[in-house]
Amino acid sequence: MTICIFVLLLAGLLIAVQNAFSTDGAAQVVVTVDGESYGSYSLKQEQVIRIETEYGYNELTIKDGQASVTASDCKNQVCVRSMAISQNGQSIICLPHKLIVQITGAGEKQLDA
């Protein structure tokens, strides 16, 4: 009985340590244009990505663990006025450019209540 408890505690400790040092669950910013994958970027690495397509351009800025569209040549600028995203499942969409910027892999999706 004592051995079983020890083995279970040891297994739990090993799983916790593995999860703490694993980077597989790191948040990613996934960009798609017209349903096609454009790129995937780490939410941890600060950078500015210029997304140029046949529909126009958007500028994606990743800073302080958040992603936002900071510039675009679309007429309505809804994507630029959207708030920065950082949680799994959040997205920014630019309909004129058929662009979707979405956060994936940051744990469980947050409820939008």
PDB file of N, CA and C in Angstrom:
ATOM      1  N   MET A   1       0.828  -1.189   0.000  1.00  0.00           N
ATOM      2  CA  MET A   1       0.000   0.000   0.000  1.00  0.00           C
ATOM      3  C   MET A   1       0.879   1.262   0.000  1.00  0.00           C
ATOM      4  N   THR A   2       1.901   1.270   0.843  1.00  0.00           N
ATOM      5  CA  THR A   2       2.810   2.408   0.920  1.00  0.00           C
ATOM      6  C   THR A   2       3.568   2.581  -0.392  1.00  0.00           C
ATOM      7  N   ILE A   3       3.938   1.484  -1.020  1.00  0.00           N
ATOM      8  CA  ILE A   3       4.655   1.543  -2.287  1.00  0.00           C
ATOM      9  C   ILE A   3       3.763   2.153  -3.366  1.00  0.00           C
ATOM     10  N   CYS A   4       2.497   1.787  -3.390  1.00  0.00           N
ATOM     11  CA  CYS A   4       1.557   2.336  -4.382  1.00  0.00           C
ATOM     12  C   CYS A   4       1.413   3.849  -4.209  1.00  0.00           C
ATOM     13  N   ILE A   5       1.303   4.309  -3.001  1.00  0.00           N
ATOM     14  CA  ILE A   5       1.187   5.745  -2.739  1.00  0.00           C
ATOM     15  C   ILE A   5       2.454   6.462  -3.180  1.00  0.00           C
ATOM     16  N   PHE A   6       3.610   5.873  -2.855  1.00  0.00           N
ATOM     17  CA  PHE A   6       4.883   6.462  -3.260  1.00  0.00           C
ATOM     18  C   PHE A   6       5.001   6.548  -4.775  1.00  0.00           C
ATOM     19  N   VAL A   7       4.628   5.498  -5.483  1.00  0.00           N
ATOM     20  CA  VAL A   7       4.695   5.472  -6.951  1.00  0.00           C
ATOM     21  C   VAL A   7       3.759   6.528  -7.540  1.00  0.00           C
ATOM     22  N   LEU A   8       2.559   6.649  -7.005  1.00  0.00           N
ATOM     23  CA  LEU A   8       1.616   7.659  -7.498  1.00  0.00           C
ATOM     24  C   LEU A   8       2.136   9.074  -7.248  1.00  0.00           C
ATOM     25  N   LEU A   9       2.701   9.322  -6.084  1.00  0.00           N
ATOM     26  CA  LEU A   9       3.271  10.637  -5.799  1.00  0.00           C
ATOM     27  C   LEU A   9       4.447  10.949  -6.718  1.00  0.00           C
ATOM     28  N   LEU A  10       5.293   9.965  -6.951  1.00  0.00           N
ATOM     29  CA  LEU A  10       6.439  10.138  -7.835  1.00  0.00           C
ATOM     30  C   LEU A  10       5.978  10.413  -9.276  1.00  0.00           C
ATOM     31  N   ALA A  11       4.975   9.689  -9.735  1.00  0.00           N
ATOM     32  CA  ALA A  11       4.446   9.902 -11.086  1.00  0.00           C
ATOM     33  C   ALA A  11       3.847  11.309 -11.208  1.00  0.00           C
ATOM     34  N   GLY A  12       3.111  11.745 -10.201  1.00  0.00           N
ATOM     35  CA  GLY A  12       2.543  13.097 -10.216  1.00  0.00           C
ATOM     36  C   GLY A  12       3.618  14.163 -10.233  1.00  0.00           C
ATOM     37  N   LEU A  13       4.675  13.959  -9.468  1.00  0.00           N
ATOM     38  CA  LEU A  13       5.791  14.903  -9.437  1.00  0.00           C
ATOM     39  C   LEU A  13       6.490  14.967 -10.794  1.00  0.00           C
ATOM     40  N   LEU A  14       6.704  13.831 -11.426  1.00  0.00           N
ATOM     41  CA  LEU A  14       7.351  13.797 -12.742  1.00  0.00           C
ATOM     42  C   LEU A  14       6.500  14.511 -13.798  1.00  0.00           C
ATOM     43  N   ILE A  15       5.209  14.314 -13.748  1.00  0.00           N
ATOM     44  CA  ILE A  15       4.314  14.985 -14.702  1.00  0.00           C
ATOM     45  C   ILE A  15       4.340  16.490 -14.484  1.00  0.00           C
ATOM     46  N   ALA A  16       4.319  16.918 -13.238  1.00  0.00           N
ATOM     47  CA  ALA A  16       4.358  18.352 -12.936  1.00  0.00           C
ATOM     48  C   ALA A  16       5.660  18.994 -13.416  1.00  0.00           C
ATOM     49  N   VAL A  17       6.773  18.324 -13.207  1.00  0.00           N
ATOM     50  CA  VAL A  17       8.065  18.849 -13.650  1.00  0.00           C
ATOM     51  C   VAL A  17       8.117  18.909 -15.172  1.00  0.00           C
ATOM     52  N   GLN A  18       7.619  17.881 -15.841  1.00  0.00           N
ATOM     53  CA  GLN A  18       7.616  17.863 -17.301  1.00  0.00           C
ATOM     54  C   GLN A  18       6.756  19.009 -17.850  1.00  0.00           C
ATOM     55  N   ASN A  19       5.607  19.243 -17.282  1.00  0.00           N
ATOM     56  CA  ASN A  19       4.743  20.340 -17.723  1.00  0.00           C
ATOM     57  C   ASN A  19       5.375  21.699 -17.475  1.00  0.00           C
ATOM     58  N   ALA A  20       6.104  21.824 -16.384  1.00  0.00           N
ATOM     59  CA  ALA A  20       6.731  23.107 -16.060  1.00  0.00           C
ATOM     60  C   ALA A  20       7.827  23.473 -17.051  1.00  0.00           C
ATOM     61  N   PHE A  21       8.536  22.490 -17.567  1.00  0.00           N
ATOM     62  CA  PHE A  21       9.637  22.757 -18.478  1.00  0.00           C
ATOM     63  C   PHE A  21       9.282  22.554 -19.942  1.00  0.00           C
ATOM     64  N   SER A  22       8.058  22.179 -20.230  1.00  0.00           N
ATOM     65  CA  SER A  22       7.640  21.943 -21.607  1.00  0.00           C
ATOM     66  C   SER A  22       7.277  23.249 -22.284  1.00  0.00           C
ATOM     67  N   THR A  23       7.662  23.420 -23.569  1.00  0.00           N
ATOM     68  CA  THR A  23       7.298  24.607 -24.338  1.00  0.00           C
ATOM     69  C   THR A  23       6.239  24.283 -25.377  1.00  0.00           C
ATOM     70  N   ASP A  24       5.741  23.039 -25.391  1.00  0.00           N
ATOM     71  CA  ASP A  24       4.746  22.638 -26.380  1.00  0.00           C
ATOM     72  C   ASP A  24       3.451  23.426 -26.236  1.00  0.00           C
ATOM     73  N   GLY A  25       3.097  23.848 -25.040  1.00  0.00           N
ATOM     74  CA  GLY A  25       1.853  24.553 -24.808  1.00  0.00           C
ATOM     75  C   GLY A  25       1.992  26.051 -24.923  1.00  0.00           C
ATOM     76  N   ALA A  26       3.123  26.535 -25.419  1.00  0.00           N
ATOM     77  CA  ALA A  26       3.339  27.973 -25.527  1.00  0.00           C
ATOM     78  C   ALA A  26       2.356  28.575 -26.518  1.00  0.00           C
ATOM     79  N   ALA A  27       1.887  29.757 -26.206  1.00  0.00           N
ATOM     80  CA  ALA A  27       0.916  30.440 -27.051  1.00  0.00           C
ATOM     81  C   ALA A  27       1.525  30.812 -28.390  1.00  0.00           C
ATOM     82  N   GLN A  28       0.760  30.604 -29.434  1.00  0.00           N
ATOM     83  CA  GLN A  28       1.167  30.926 -30.792  1.00  0.00           C
ATOM     84  C   GLN A  28       0.139  31.863 -31.413  1.00  0.00           C
ATOM     85  N   VAL A  29       0.610  32.738 -32.278  1.00  0.00           N
ATOM     86  CA  VAL A  29      -0.259  33.583 -33.078  1.00  0.00           C
ATOM     87  C   VAL A  29      -0.305  32.945 -34.456  1.00  0.00           C
ATOM     88  N   VAL A  30      -1.471  32.470 -34.847  1.00  0.00           N
ATOM     89  CA  VAL A  30      -1.630  31.795 -36.128  1.00  0.00           C
ATOM     90  C   VAL A  30      -2.339  32.747 -37.083  1.00  0.00           C
ATOM     91  N   VAL A  31      -1.744  32.956 -38.252  1.00  0.00           N
ATOM     92  CA  VAL A  31      -2.291  33.873 -39.253  1.00  0.00           C
ATOM     93  C   VAL A  31      -2.736  33.069 -40.466  1.00  0.00           C
ATOM     94  N   THR A  32      -3.992  33.283 -40.880  1.00  0.00           N
ATOM     95  CA  THR A  32      -4.486  32.673 -42.109  1.00  0.00           C
ATOM     96  C   THR A  32      -5.038  33.770 -43.013  1.00  0.00           C
ATOM     97  N   VAL A  33      -4.853  33.582 -44.313  1.00  0.00           N
ATOM     98  CA  VAL A  33      -5.377  34.504 -45.307  1.00  0.00           C
ATOM     99  C   VAL A  33      -6.174  33.688 -46.313  1.00  0.00           C
ATOM    100  N   ASP A  34      -7.446  34.030 -46.457  1.00  0.00           N
ATOM    101  CA  ASP A  34      -8.340  33.341 -47.384  1.00  0.00           C
ATOM    102  C   ASP A  34      -8.355  31.835 -47.123  1.00  0.00           C
ATOM    103  N   GLY A  35      -8.324  31.457 -45.836  1.00  0.00           N
ATOM    104  CA  GLY A  35      -8.373  30.065 -45.435  1.00  0.00           C
ATOM    105  C   GLY A  35      -7.055  29.315 -45.535  1.00  0.00           C
ATOM    106  N   GLU A  36      -6.024  29.950 -46.052  1.00  0.00           N
ATOM    107  CA  GLU A  36      -4.712  29.321 -46.195  1.00  0.00           C
ATOM    108  C   GLU A  36      -3.780  29.796 -45.078  1.00  0.00           C
ATOM    109  N   SER A  37      -2.964  28.899 -44.561  1.00  0.00           N
ATOM    110  CA  SER A  37      -1.999  29.258 -43.518  1.00  0.00           C
ATOM    111  C   SER A  37      -0.969  30.244 -44.062  1.00  0.00           C
ATOM    112  N   TYR A  38      -0.781  31.345 -43.346  1.00  0.00           N
ATOM    113  CA  TYR A  38       0.224  32.339 -43.730  1.00  0.00           C
ATOM    114  C   TYR A  38       1.470  32.216 -42.865  1.00  0.00           C
ATOM    115  N   GLY A  39       1.255  31.928 -41.560  1.00  0.00           N
ATOM    116  CA  GLY A  39       2.392  31.790 -40.653  1.00  0.00           C
ATOM    117  C   GLY A  39       1.944  31.597 -39.219  1.00  0.00           C
ATOM    118  N   SER A  40       2.886  31.162 -38.389  1.00  0.00           N
ATOM    119  CA  SER A  40       2.656  30.958 -36.971  1.00  0.00           C
ATOM    120  C   SER A  40       3.823  31.581 -36.218  1.00  0.00           C
ATOM    121  N   TYR A  41       3.521  32.382 -35.209  1.00  0.00           N
ATOM    122  CA  TYR A  41       4.549  33.155 -34.516  1.00  0.00           C
ATOM    123  C   TYR A  41       4.371  33.000 -33.010  1.00  0.00           C
ATOM    124  N   SER A  42       5.473  32.997 -32.284  1.00  0.00           N
ATOM    125  CA  SER A  42       5.434  32.887 -30.832  1.00  0.00           C
ATOM    126  C   SER A  42       4.916  34.182 -30.220  1.00  0.00           C
ATOM    127  N   LEU A  43       4.043  34.038 -29.250  1.00  0.00           N
ATOM    128  CA  LEU A  43       3.521  35.203 -28.541  1.00  0.00           C
ATOM    129  C   LEU A  43       4.568  35.753 -27.572  1.00  0.00           C
ATOM    130  N   LYS A  44       5.617  34.984 -27.324  1.00  0.00           N
ATOM    131  CA  LYS A  44       6.674  35.410 -26.412  1.00  0.00           C
ATOM    132  C   LYS A  44       7.730  36.276 -27.091  1.00  0.00           C
ATOM    133  N   GLN A  45       7.865  36.169 -28.415  1.00  0.00           N
ATOM    134  CA  GLN A  45       8.897  36.908 -29.136  1.00  0.00           C
ATOM    135  C   GLN A  45       8.313  38.186 -29.740  1.00  0.00           C
ATOM    136  N   GLU A  46       8.812  39.335 -29.274  1.00  0.00           N
ATOM    137  CA  GLU A  46       8.326  40.612 -29.785  1.00  0.00           C
ATOM    138  C   GLU A  46       8.804  40.811 -31.220  1.00  0.00           C
ATOM    139  N   GLN A  47       7.860  41.139 -32.101  1.00  0.00           N
ATOM    140  CA  GLN A  47       8.182  41.342 -33.510  1.00  0.00           C
ATOM    141  C   GLN A  47       7.044  42.048 -34.232  1.00  0.00           C
ATOM    142  N   VAL A  48       7.358  42.566 -35.399  1.00  0.00           N
ATOM    143  CA  VAL A  48       6.370  43.184 -36.275  1.00  0.00           C
ATOM    144  C   VAL A  48       6.413  42.420 -37.590  1.00  0.00           C
ATOM    145  N   ILE A  49       5.244  41.916 -38.012  1.00  0.00           N
ATOM    146  CA  ILE A  49       5.154  41.133 -39.230  1.00  0.00           C
ATOM    147  C   ILE A  49       4.276  41.887 -40.221  1.00  0.00           C
ATOM    148  N   ARG A  50       4.794  42.152 -41.393  1.00  0.00           N
ATOM    149  CA  ARG A  50       4.013  42.785 -42.453  1.00  0.00           C
ATOM    150  C   ARG A  50       3.426  41.672 -43.317  1.00  0.00           C
ATOM    151  N   ILE A  51       2.109  41.626 -43.368  1.00  0.00           N
ATOM    152  CA  ILE A  51       1.397  40.586 -44.096  1.00  0.00           C
ATOM    153  C   ILE A  51       0.896  41.207 -45.400  1.00  0.00           C
ATOM    154  N   GLU A  52       1.553  40.867 -46.482  1.00  0.00           N
ATOM    155  CA  GLU A  52       1.182  41.420 -47.786  1.00  0.00           C
ATOM    156  C   GLU A  52       0.566  40.320 -48.642  1.00  0.00           C
ATOM    157  N   THR A  53      -0.649  40.590 -49.151  1.00  0.00           N
ATOM    158  CA  THR A  53      -1.338  39.626 -50.005  1.00  0.00           C
ATOM    159  C   THR A  53      -1.951  40.370 -51.180  1.00  0.00           C
ATOM    160  N   GLU A  54      -2.612  39.637 -52.036  1.00  0.00           N
ATOM    161  CA  GLU A  54      -3.280  40.251 -53.177  1.00  0.00           C
ATOM    162  C   GLU A  54      -4.430  41.158 -52.738  1.00  0.00           C
ATOM    163  N   TYR A  55      -4.894  41.011 -51.503  1.00  0.00           N
ATOM    164  CA  TYR A  55      -6.014  41.806 -50.994  1.00  0.00           C
ATOM    165  C   TYR A  55      -5.558  43.115 -50.356  1.00  0.00           C
ATOM    166  N   GLY A  56      -4.291  43.234 -50.012  1.00  0.00           N
ATOM    167  CA  GLY A  56      -3.755  44.413 -49.350  1.00  0.00           C
ATOM    168  C   GLY A  56      -2.744  44.011 -48.290  1.00  0.00           C
ATOM    169  N   TYR A  57      -2.426  44.940 -47.398  1.00  0.00           N
ATOM    170  CA  TYR A  57      -1.444  44.612 -46.360  1.00  0.00           C
ATOM    171  C   TYR A  57      -2.021  44.877 -44.972  1.00  0.00           C
ATOM    172  N   ASN A  58      -1.510  44.142 -44.009  1.00  0.00           N
ATOM    173  CA  ASN A  58      -1.783  44.339 -42.584  1.00  0.00           C
ATOM    174  C   ASN A  58      -0.447  44.251 -41.870  1.00  0.00           C
ATOM    175  N   GLU A  59      -0.323  44.967 -40.777  1.00  0.00           N
ATOM    176  CA  GLU A  59       0.872  44.900 -39.951  1.00  0.00           C
ATOM    177  C   GLU A  59       0.483  44.310 -38.606  1.00  0.00           C
ATOM    178  N   LEU A  60       1.054  43.161 -38.275  1.00  0.00           N
ATOM    179  CA  LEU A  60       0.792  42.464 -37.023  1.00  0.00           C
ATOM    180  C   LEU A  60       1.934  42.758 -36.067  1.00  0.00           C
ATOM    181  N   THR A  61       1.605  43.266 -34.891  1.00  0.00           N
ATOM    182  CA  THR A  61       2.618  43.562 -33.874  1.00  0.00           C
ATOM    183  C   THR A  61       2.424  42.630 -32.685  1.00  0.00           C
ATOM    184  N   ILE A  62       3.493  41.941 -32.305  1.00  0.00           N
ATOM    185  CA  ILE A  62       3.490  41.086 -31.120  1.00  0.00           C
ATOM    186  C   ILE A  62       4.400  41.743 -30.105  1.00  0.00           C
ATOM    187  N   LYS A  63       3.815  42.145 -28.980  1.00  0.00           N
ATOM    188  CA  LYS A  63       4.563  42.864 -27.953  1.00  0.00           C
ATOM    189  C   LYS A  63       3.924  42.628 -26.587  1.00  0.00           C
ATOM    190  N   ASP A  64       4.735  42.441 -25.578  1.00  0.00           N
ATOM    191  CA  ASP A  64       4.272  42.245 -24.198  1.00  0.00           C
ATOM    192  C   ASP A  64       3.259  41.103 -24.079  1.00  0.00           C
ATOM    193  N   GLY A  65       3.474  40.021 -24.849  1.00  0.00           N
ATOM    194  CA  GLY A  65       2.596  38.857 -24.769  1.00  0.00           C
ATOM    195  C   GLY A  65       1.236  39.058 -25.408  1.00  0.00           C
ATOM    196  N   GLN A  66       1.095  40.080 -26.231  1.00  0.00           N
ATOM    197  CA  GLN A  66      -0.168  40.359 -26.905  1.00  0.00           C
ATOM    198  C   GLN A  66       0.075  40.575 -28.389  1.00  0.00           C
ATOM    199  N   ALA A  67      -0.940  40.288 -29.194  1.00  0.00           N
ATOM    200  CA  ALA A  67      -0.861  40.507 -30.635  1.00  0.00           C
ATOM    201  C   ALA A  67      -1.950  41.492 -31.040  1.00  0.00           C
ATOM    202  N   SER A  68      -1.590  42.410 -31.942  1.00  0.00           N
ATOM    203  CA  SER A  68      -2.576  43.363 -32.450  1.00  0.00           C
ATOM    204  C   SER A  68      -2.236  43.724 -33.884  1.00  0.00           C
ATOM    205  N   VAL A  69      -3.267  44.112 -34.630  1.00  0.00           N
ATOM    206  CA  VAL A  69      -3.057  44.627 -35.973  1.00  0.00           C
ATOM    207  C   VAL A  69      -2.893  46.132 -35.811  1.00  0.00           C
ATOM    208  N   THR A  70      -1.724  46.633 -36.144  1.00  0.00           N
ATOM    209  CA  THR A  70      -1.401  48.044 -35.894  1.00  0.00           C
ATOM    210  C   THR A  70      -1.491  48.906 -37.140  1.00  0.00           C
ATOM    211  N   ALA A  71      -1.590  48.290 -38.315  1.00  0.00           N
ATOM    212  CA  ALA A  71      -1.733  49.062 -39.552  1.00  0.00           C
ATOM    213  C   ALA A  71      -2.380  48.191 -40.612  1.00  0.00           C
ATOM    214  N   SER A  72      -3.136  48.834 -41.496  1.00  0.00           N
ATOM    215  CA  SER A  72      -3.784  48.133 -42.592  1.00  0.00           C
ATOM    216  C   SER A  72      -4.200  49.146 -43.646  1.00  0.00           C
ATOM    217  N   ASP A  73      -4.302  48.702 -44.893  1.00  0.00           N
ATOM    218  CA  ASP A  73      -4.785  49.605 -45.933  1.00  0.00           C
ATOM    219  C   ASP A  73      -6.249  49.340 -46.298  1.00  0.00           C
ATOM    220  N   CYS A  74      -6.973  48.591 -45.444  1.00  0.00           N
ATOM    221  CA  CYS A  74      -8.400  48.388 -45.684  1.00  0.00           C
ATOM    222  C   CYS A  74      -9.162  49.665 -45.336  1.00  0.00           C
ATOM    223  N   LYS A  75     -10.348  49.817 -45.919  1.00  0.00           N
ATOM    224  CA  LYS A  75     -11.108  51.059 -45.749  1.00  0.00           C
ATOM    225  C   LYS A  75     -11.693  51.217 -44.350  1.00  0.00           C
ATOM    226  N   ASN A  76     -12.220  50.136 -43.763  1.00  0.00           N
ATOM    227  CA  ASN A  76     -12.961  50.293 -42.505  1.00  0.00           C
ATOM    228  C   ASN A  76     -12.100  50.285 -41.245  1.00  0.00           C
ATOM    229  N   GLN A  77     -10.892  49.762 -41.287  1.00  0.00           N
ATOM    230  CA  GLN A  77      -9.942  49.774 -40.162  1.00  0.00           C
ATOM    231  C   GLN A  77     -10.461  49.097 -38.888  1.00  0.00           C
ATOM    232  N   VAL A  78     -11.438  48.202 -39.026  1.00  0.00           N
ATOM    233  CA  VAL A  78     -11.960  47.488 -37.856  1.00  0.00           C
ATOM    234  C   VAL A  78     -10.865  46.651 -37.204  1.00  0.00           C
ATOM    235  N   CYS A  79     -10.020  46.028 -38.012  1.00  0.00           N
ATOM    236  CA  CYS A  79      -8.950  45.187 -37.465  1.00  0.00           C
ATOM    237  C   CYS A  79      -7.942  46.004 -36.661  1.00  0.00           C
ATOM    238  N   VAL A  80      -7.694  47.226 -37.079  1.00  0.00           N
ATOM    239  CA  VAL A  80      -6.743  48.096 -36.371  1.00  0.00           C
ATOM    240  C   VAL A  80      -7.347  48.579 -35.058  1.00  0.00           C
ATOM    241  N   ARG A  81      -8.646  48.812 -35.050  1.00  0.00           N
ATOM    242  CA  ARG A  81      -9.317  49.283 -33.832  1.00  0.00           C
ATOM    243  C   ARG A  81      -9.644  48.157 -32.855  1.00  0.00           C
ATOM    244  N   SER A  82      -9.469  46.906 -33.276  1.00  0.00           N
ATOM    245  CA  SER A  82      -9.721  45.771 -32.379  1.00  0.00           C
ATOM    246  C   SER A  82      -8.697  45.765 -31.255  1.00  0.00           C
ATOM    247  N   MET A  83      -9.123  45.290 -30.089  1.00  0.00           N
ATOM    248  CA  MET A  83      -8.202  45.234 -28.953  1.00  0.00           C
ATOM    249  C   MET A  83      -7.158  44.135 -29.167  1.00  0.00           C
ATOM    250  N   ALA A  84      -6.046  44.261 -28.495  1.00  0.00           N
ATOM    251  CA  ALA A  84      -4.982  43.262 -28.575  1.00  0.00           C
ATOM    252  C   ALA A  84      -5.483  41.943 -27.995  1.00  0.00           C
ATOM    253  N   ILE A  85      -4.965  40.845 -28.518  1.00  0.00           N
ATOM    254  CA  ILE A  85      -5.384  39.513 -28.067  1.00  0.00           C
ATOM    255  C   ILE A  85      -4.199  38.784 -27.441  1.00  0.00           C
ATOM    256  N   SER A  86      -4.521  37.921 -26.461  1.00  0.00           N
ATOM    257  CA  SER A  86      -3.455  37.167 -25.790  1.00  0.00           C
ATOM    258  C   SER A  86      -3.922  35.812 -25.264  1.00  0.00           C
ATOM    259  N   GLN A  87      -5.213  35.542 -25.295  1.00  0.00           N
ATOM    260  CA  GLN A  87      -5.767  34.312 -24.722  1.00  0.00           C
ATOM    261  C   GLN A  87      -6.164  33.327 -25.815  1.00  0.00           C
ATOM    262  N   ASN A  88      -6.045  32.052 -25.520  1.00  0.00           N
ATOM    263  CA  ASN A  88      -6.395  30.991 -26.454  1.00  0.00           C
ATOM    264  C   ASN A  88      -7.809  31.184 -26.986  1.00  0.00           C
ATOM    265  N   GLY A  89      -7.962  31.142 -28.302  1.00  0.00           N
ATOM    266  CA  GLY A  89      -9.271  31.272 -28.931  1.00  0.00           C
ATOM    267  C   GLY A  89      -9.633  32.683 -29.357  1.00  0.00           C
ATOM    268  N   GLN A  90      -8.942  33.690 -28.858  1.00  0.00           N
ATOM    269  CA  GLN A  90      -9.229  35.058 -29.272  1.00  0.00           C
ATOM    270  C   GLN A  90      -8.735  35.281 -30.690  1.00  0.00           C
ATOM    271  N   SER A  91      -9.416  36.181 -31.413  1.00  0.00           N
ATOM    272  CA  SER A  91      -8.998  36.432 -32.785  1.00  0.00           C
ATOM    273  C   SER A  91      -9.266  37.877 -33.191  1.00  0.00           C
ATOM    274  N   ILE A  92      -8.565  38.283 -34.234  1.00  0.00           N
ATOM    275  CA  ILE A  92      -8.777  39.560 -34.905  1.00  0.00           C
ATOM    276  C   ILE A  92      -9.022  39.204 -36.362  1.00  0.00           C
ATOM    277  N   ILE A  93     -10.055  39.801 -36.942  1.00  0.00           N
ATOM    278  CA  ILE A  93     -10.429  39.476 -38.314  1.00  0.00           C
ATOM    279  C   ILE A  93     -10.481  40.740 -39.157  1.00  0.00           C
ATOM    280  N   CYS A  94      -9.903  40.663 -40.348  1.00  0.00           N
ATOM    281  CA  CYS A  94      -9.994  41.733 -41.334  1.00  0.00           C
ATOM    282  C   CYS A  94     -10.733  41.145 -42.536  1.00  0.00           C
ATOM    283  N   LEU A  95     -12.027  41.435 -42.632  1.00  0.00           N
ATOM    284  CA  LEU A  95     -12.830  40.867 -43.707  1.00  0.00           C
ATOM    285  C   LEU A  95     -12.383  41.294 -45.103  1.00  0.00           C
ATOM    286  N   PRO A  96     -12.068  42.592 -45.336  1.00  0.00           N
ATOM    287  CA  PRO A  96     -11.652  42.972 -46.690  1.00  0.00           C
ATOM    288  C   PRO A  96     -10.402  42.230 -47.174  1.00  0.00           C
ATOM    289  N   HIS A  97      -9.509  41.871 -46.249  1.00  0.00           N
ATOM    290  CA  HIS A  97      -8.271  41.191 -46.622  1.00  0.00           C
ATOM    291  C   HIS A  97      -8.327  39.691 -46.386  1.00  0.00           C
ATOM    292  N   LYS A  98      -9.494  39.200 -45.931  1.00  0.00           N
ATOM    293  CA  LYS A  98      -9.693  37.767 -45.669  1.00  0.00           C
ATOM    294  C   LYS A  98      -8.644  37.232 -44.697  1.00  0.00           C
ATOM    295  N   LEU A  99      -8.335  38.040 -43.695  1.00  0.00           N
ATOM    296  CA  LEU A  99      -7.275  37.757 -42.729  1.00  0.00           C
ATOM    297  C   LEU A  99      -7.868  37.354 -41.381  1.00  0.00           C
ATOM    298  N   ILE A 100      -7.316  36.301 -40.791  1.00  0.00           N
ATOM    299  CA  ILE A 100      -7.677  35.902 -39.429  1.00  0.00           C
ATOM    300  C   ILE A 100      -6.382  35.743 -38.638  1.00  0.00           C
ATOM    301  N   VAL A 101      -6.316  36.421 -37.501  1.00  0.00           N
ATOM    302  CA  VAL A 101      -5.195  36.300 -36.566  1.00  0.00           C
ATOM    303  C   VAL A 101      -5.782  35.670 -35.311  1.00  0.00           C
ATOM    304  N   GLN A 102      -5.267  34.510 -34.909  1.00  0.00           N
ATOM    305  CA  GLN A 102      -5.857  33.784 -33.780  1.00  0.00           C
ATOM    306  C   GLN A 102      -4.779  33.267 -32.842  1.00  0.00           C
ATOM    307  N   ILE A 103      -5.101  33.268 -31.542  1.00  0.00           N
ATOM    308  CA  ILE A 103      -4.206  32.726 -30.518  1.00  0.00           C
ATOM    309  C   ILE A 103      -4.552  31.252 -30.308  1.00  0.00           C
ATOM    310  N   THR A 104      -3.529  30.408 -30.327  1.00  0.00           N
ATOM    311  CA  THR A 104      -3.728  28.981 -30.058  1.00  0.00           C
ATOM    312  C   THR A 104      -2.677  28.500 -29.070  1.00  0.00           C
ATOM    313  N   GLY A 105      -2.990  27.418 -28.371  1.00  0.00           N
ATOM    314  CA  GLY A 105      -2.015  26.743 -27.524  1.00  0.00           C
ATOM    315  C   GLY A 105      -1.677  27.428 -26.225  1.00  0.00           C
ATOM    316  N   ALA A 106      -2.546  28.298 -25.725  1.00  0.00           N
ATOM    317  CA  ALA A 106      -2.245  28.991 -24.462  1.00  0.00           C
ATOM    318  C   ALA A 106      -3.078  28.442 -23.331  1.00  0.00           C
ATOM    319  N   GLY A 107      -3.292  27.143 -23.330  1.00  0.00           N
ATOM    320  CA  GLY A 107      -4.110  26.537 -22.285  1.00  0.00           C
ATOM    321  C   GLY A 107      -5.567  26.498 -22.704  1.00  0.00           C
ATOM    322  N   GLU A 108      -6.457  26.476 -21.732  1.00  0.00           N
ATOM    323  CA  GLU A 108      -7.879  26.387 -22.028  1.00  0.00           C
ATOM    324  C   GLU A 108      -8.420  27.699 -22.556  1.00  0.00           C
ATOM    325  N   LYS A 109      -9.449  27.606 -23.392  1.00  0.00           N
ATOM    326  CA  LYS A 109     -10.109  28.808 -23.901  1.00  0.00           C
ATOM    327  C   LYS A 109     -10.807  29.512 -22.748  1.00  0.00           C
ATOM    328  N   GLN A 110     -10.767  30.829 -22.784  1.00  0.00           N
ATOM    329  CA  GLN A 110     -11.422  31.635 -21.759  1.00  0.00           C
ATOM    330  C   GLN A 110     -12.867  31.866 -22.161  1.00  0.00           C
ATOM    331  N   LEU A 111     -13.770  31.851 -21.195  1.00  0.00           N
ATOM    332  CA  LEU A 111     -15.173  32.141 -21.472  1.00  0.00           C
ATOM    333  C   LEU A 111     -15.347  33.621 -21.745  1.00  0.00           C
ATOM    334  N   ASP A 112     -16.126  33.936 -22.745  1.00  0.00           N
ATOM    335  CA  ASP A 112     -16.419  35.319 -23.090  1.00  0.00           C
ATOM    336  C   ASP A 112     -17.828  35.606 -22.605  1.00  0.00           C
ATOM    337  N   ALA A 113     -17.941  36.017 -21.340  1.00  0.00           N
ATOM    338  CA  ALA A 113     -19.247  36.215 -20.747  1.00  0.00           C
ATOM    339  C   ALA A 113     -19.658  37.665 -20.733  1.00  0.00           C
TER     340      ALA A 113
END
